[in-house]
Protein backbone atom coordinates (compact mmCIF):
# COMPACT_ATOMS: atom_id res chain seq x y z
CA MET A 1 58.91 15.31 85.05
CA PRO A 2 56.44 14.37 87.80
CA SER A 3 57.12 16.46 91.17
CA LEU A 4 57.73 14.80 94.25
CA ARG A 5 54.55 16.02 95.61
CA SER A 6 52.54 14.35 92.78
CA LEU A 7 54.40 11.23 93.38
CA ARG A 8 53.66 11.12 97.12
CA TRP A 9 50.02 10.50 96.75
CA PRO A 10 50.24 7.19 95.02
CA LEU A 11 52.77 5.99 97.63
CA LEU A 12 50.34 7.30 100.55
CA ALA A 13 47.80 5.28 98.87
CA THR A 14 49.63 2.12 98.71
CA LEU A 15 50.64 2.51 102.27
CA VAL A 16 46.92 2.80 103.05
CA LEU A 17 46.17 -0.56 101.40
CA LEU A 18 49.02 -2.27 103.08
CA SER A 19 47.91 -0.87 106.24
CA ALA A 20 44.47 -2.75 105.99
CA CYS A 21 46.25 -5.86 105.79
CA TYR A 22 47.30 -5.75 109.49
CA LYS A 23 46.04 -4.53 112.72
CA PRO A 24 47.92 -1.07 113.68
CA GLY A 25 50.30 -1.57 116.29
CA ARG A 26 50.56 -5.23 116.13
CA PHE A 27 54.16 -6.35 115.20
CA VAL A 28 56.89 -8.64 116.55
CA TRP A 29 60.27 -7.63 117.29
CA VAL A 30 62.79 -9.23 114.80
CA ASP A 31 64.64 -10.66 117.88
CA ASP A 32 61.37 -12.54 118.80
CA TYR A 33 60.29 -13.70 115.24
CA ARG A 34 60.98 -17.22 114.49
CA GLU A 35 60.24 -18.71 110.93
CA PRO A 36 57.76 -21.58 110.40
CA GLN A 37 59.22 -24.96 111.04
CA LEU A 38 59.13 -25.74 107.20
CA GLN A 39 61.62 -22.82 106.75
CA GLN A 40 64.13 -24.26 109.36
CA GLN A 41 64.87 -27.35 107.67
CA ASP A 42 68.28 -28.08 106.23
CA GLU A 43 68.95 -26.44 102.94
CA SER A 44 66.07 -24.54 103.60
CA TYR A 45 66.35 -22.54 100.14
CA LEU A 46 63.31 -23.30 97.80
CA ILE A 47 64.07 -23.68 94.28
CA ARG A 48 62.37 -21.15 91.97
CA ARG A 49 61.47 -21.03 88.34
CA GLY A 50 64.48 -19.81 86.42
CA ASP A 51 67.21 -21.21 88.54
CA VAL A 52 69.86 -23.14 87.20
CA LEU A 53 70.39 -26.65 88.66
CA SER A 54 73.29 -28.77 88.62
CA ILE A 55 72.15 -32.21 88.95
CA ASN A 56 74.55 -35.30 89.44
CA VAL A 57 73.62 -38.88 89.23
CA TRP A 58 76.47 -40.86 90.73
CA ASN A 59 78.19 -43.06 88.14
CA GLN A 60 75.42 -41.88 85.57
CA ARG A 61 77.18 -39.15 83.28
CA ASP A 62 74.63 -39.61 80.67
CA ILE A 63 71.75 -38.66 82.92
CA SER A 64 73.46 -35.86 84.97
CA SER A 65 72.97 -32.49 83.63
CA ARG A 66 72.95 -28.76 84.30
CA ILE A 67 69.43 -27.25 83.50
CA ARG A 68 67.13 -24.31 84.08
CA VAL A 69 63.92 -24.87 85.85
CA ARG A 70 61.20 -23.77 83.27
CA ASP A 71 58.45 -21.60 83.51
CA ASP A 72 56.01 -24.16 84.85
CA GLY A 73 58.40 -25.00 87.55
CA ARG A 74 59.56 -28.38 86.33
CA ILE A 75 62.69 -29.94 84.71
CA SER A 76 63.28 -32.74 82.48
CA LEU A 77 66.13 -35.22 82.37
CA PRO A 78 67.11 -38.28 80.03
CA LEU A 79 65.01 -41.27 81.17
CA VAL A 80 63.19 -39.14 83.47
CA ASN A 81 59.69 -37.50 82.74
CA ASP A 82 59.07 -33.90 83.98
CA VAL A 83 59.72 -33.45 87.75
CA GLU A 84 58.37 -30.64 89.92
CA ALA A 85 61.27 -28.64 90.83
CA ALA A 86 59.96 -25.20 91.95
CA GLY A 87 59.03 -24.76 95.84
CA GLN A 88 61.13 -27.92 96.66
CA THR A 89 64.49 -27.75 98.47
CA PRO A 90 67.41 -29.02 96.61
CA ALA A 91 67.42 -32.36 99.00
CA LEU A 92 63.79 -33.07 98.58
CA LEU A 93 64.26 -32.73 94.78
CA ALA A 94 67.27 -34.93 95.01
CA ARG A 95 65.19 -37.86 96.96
CA ALA A 96 62.12 -37.37 94.54
CA MET A 97 64.83 -38.05 91.40
CA GLU A 98 65.93 -41.15 93.27
CA GLN A 99 62.50 -42.48 93.28
CA LYS A 100 61.83 -41.93 89.89
CA LEU A 101 65.46 -43.55 88.78
CA LYS A 102 65.20 -46.62 91.06
CA ASP A 103 63.52 -48.92 88.34
CA LEU A 104 66.10 -47.95 86.01
CA VAL A 105 69.25 -47.36 87.95
CA ALA A 106 70.74 -49.88 90.58
CA ASN A 107 70.68 -48.00 93.76
CA PRO A 108 70.59 -44.08 92.46
CA VAL A 109 72.23 -41.39 94.28
CA VAL A 110 71.54 -38.10 93.14
CA THR A 111 72.56 -34.49 94.55
CA VAL A 112 71.16 -31.16 93.36
CA ILE A 113 73.10 -27.92 93.71
CA VAL A 114 71.81 -24.72 92.83
CA ASP A 115 74.34 -22.83 90.73
CA GLU A 116 72.34 -19.92 89.54
CA ALA A 117 69.58 -18.70 92.09
CA GLN A 118 67.02 -15.97 90.68
CA PRO A 119 67.18 -12.56 92.32
CA ILE A 120 64.49 -11.85 95.01
CA LYS A 121 61.92 -9.05 94.43
CA VAL A 122 61.01 -6.91 97.38
CA SER A 123 58.80 -3.77 97.76
CA VAL A 124 60.54 -0.86 99.62
CA LEU A 125 58.03 1.75 100.78
CA GLY A 126 57.20 4.95 103.16
CA GLU A 127 60.06 7.25 104.24
CA VAL A 128 62.83 6.43 101.69
CA ARG A 129 64.12 8.42 99.01
CA ASN A 130 63.46 5.96 96.16
CA PRO A 131 60.54 3.72 97.08
CA GLY A 132 59.19 0.99 94.73
CA LYS A 133 59.90 -2.57 93.55
CA LYS A 134 63.43 -3.58 94.13
CA GLN A 135 65.37 -6.58 92.80
CA LEU A 136 68.02 -7.94 95.07
CA GLU A 137 70.76 -10.51 95.13
CA TYR A 138 69.65 -13.92 96.81
CA ASN A 139 70.17 -13.72 100.58
CA ALA A 140 70.15 -10.12 100.80
CA GLY A 141 69.13 -8.59 103.97
CA LEU A 142 67.31 -5.25 105.30
CA LEU A 143 70.48 -3.11 104.67
CA GLN A 144 70.64 -4.00 101.03
CA ALA A 145 66.89 -3.13 100.37
CA LEU A 146 67.33 0.29 102.23
CA SER A 147 70.56 0.97 100.14
CA GLU A 148 68.73 0.24 96.99
CA ALA A 149 65.92 2.50 97.98
CA GLY A 150 68.31 5.49 98.56
CA GLY A 151 68.33 5.60 102.23
CA PHE A 152 66.04 7.35 104.77
CA THR A 153 64.35 10.74 104.05
CA ASP A 154 64.67 13.48 106.84
CA TYR A 155 61.05 12.27 108.20
CA ALA A 156 62.00 8.49 108.86
CA ARG A 157 61.92 7.04 112.18
CA ASP A 158 65.03 4.96 112.98
CA ASP A 159 63.14 2.67 115.59
CA ALA A 160 60.21 1.89 113.19
CA LEU A 161 61.51 -0.13 110.28
CA PHE A 162 59.22 -2.99 109.40
CA VAL A 163 59.11 -6.12 107.09
CA LEU A 164 55.48 -7.30 106.04
CA ARG A 165 55.77 -11.12 105.39
CA LYS A 166 52.87 -13.55 104.16
CA GLU A 167 53.35 -16.95 105.87
CA PRO A 168 51.40 -20.28 105.36
CA GLY A 169 48.47 -20.23 107.87
CA TYR A 170 48.30 -16.70 108.67
CA PRO A 171 45.49 -14.59 107.11
CA THR A 172 47.50 -11.38 107.36
CA PRO A 173 51.21 -10.63 106.87
CA VAL A 174 52.97 -11.11 109.78
CA ARG A 175 54.73 -7.46 110.74
CA ILE A 176 58.30 -7.66 111.81
CA ARG A 177 59.96 -4.66 113.44
CA PHE A 178 63.48 -3.67 113.57
CA THR A 179 65.57 -0.37 114.58
CA TRP A 180 68.48 0.99 112.83
CA GLU A 181 70.64 0.90 115.52
CA ALA A 182 70.58 -2.98 115.74
CA LEU A 183 70.88 -3.13 112.03
CA SER A 184 73.85 -0.96 111.51
CA ARG A 185 75.55 -2.62 114.68
CA ASN A 186 74.78 -6.01 113.33
CA GLU A 187 73.14 -6.75 116.73
CA GLY A 188 70.81 -9.85 117.45
CA ASN A 189 68.85 -11.11 114.70
CA ALA A 190 68.61 -8.19 112.60
CA SER A 191 72.05 -8.87 111.06
CA ALA A 192 71.03 -12.56 110.10
CA PHE A 193 67.49 -11.79 108.55
CA ARG A 194 67.15 -12.62 105.10
CA LEU A 195 64.47 -11.21 102.79
CA LYS A 196 62.34 -13.28 100.59
CA THR A 197 60.78 -12.66 97.44
CA GLY A 198 57.35 -11.02 98.05
CA ASP A 199 58.44 -8.96 101.29
CA VAL A 200 57.24 -5.69 101.82
CA VAL A 201 59.68 -3.09 103.63
CA VAL A 202 58.16 0.01 105.29
CA VAL A 203 60.01 2.71 106.70
CA GLU A 204 57.49 4.85 109.09
């Protein structure tokens, strides 16, 4: 079994690589962080490969279906060719399907509900007891990620918790800073912050 000392070097190397993605010292406090406008729209959940969707076409039981998004990101329904689902909100997918059905059904009304959302996948690095990749339930926050990582080591700084997040239009990840006090007391935006697949949590 590898010793803790031998495991520490690969983790340090990973942190060095991550540190090259942003300028040291540059961050935004979570209370000042604003998500891109695209993510603030209603029903902001973006459908992912593997999600199970309930699609209901009003008064058209034969077309309505419960279906899983395929690995290519598409779904297929009776009378409808492949429709791109991954990366769209349920509302946008419903509107797209209405457009495809309008020549086949009079005044089609489609609703899309995500029945089963795929877990999110994040990495937790730094001063935690069990670093590495973690799989969390959709809508999980930073507390859940830290719990999955076994909590802090004795060397962790409780005011230096960061989430590195890639955002469209930004060449480097945004570095969002948290404090343990705000998280544990459910204060400010820290308690409402939700992780996304691809996020990297770093505890310094």
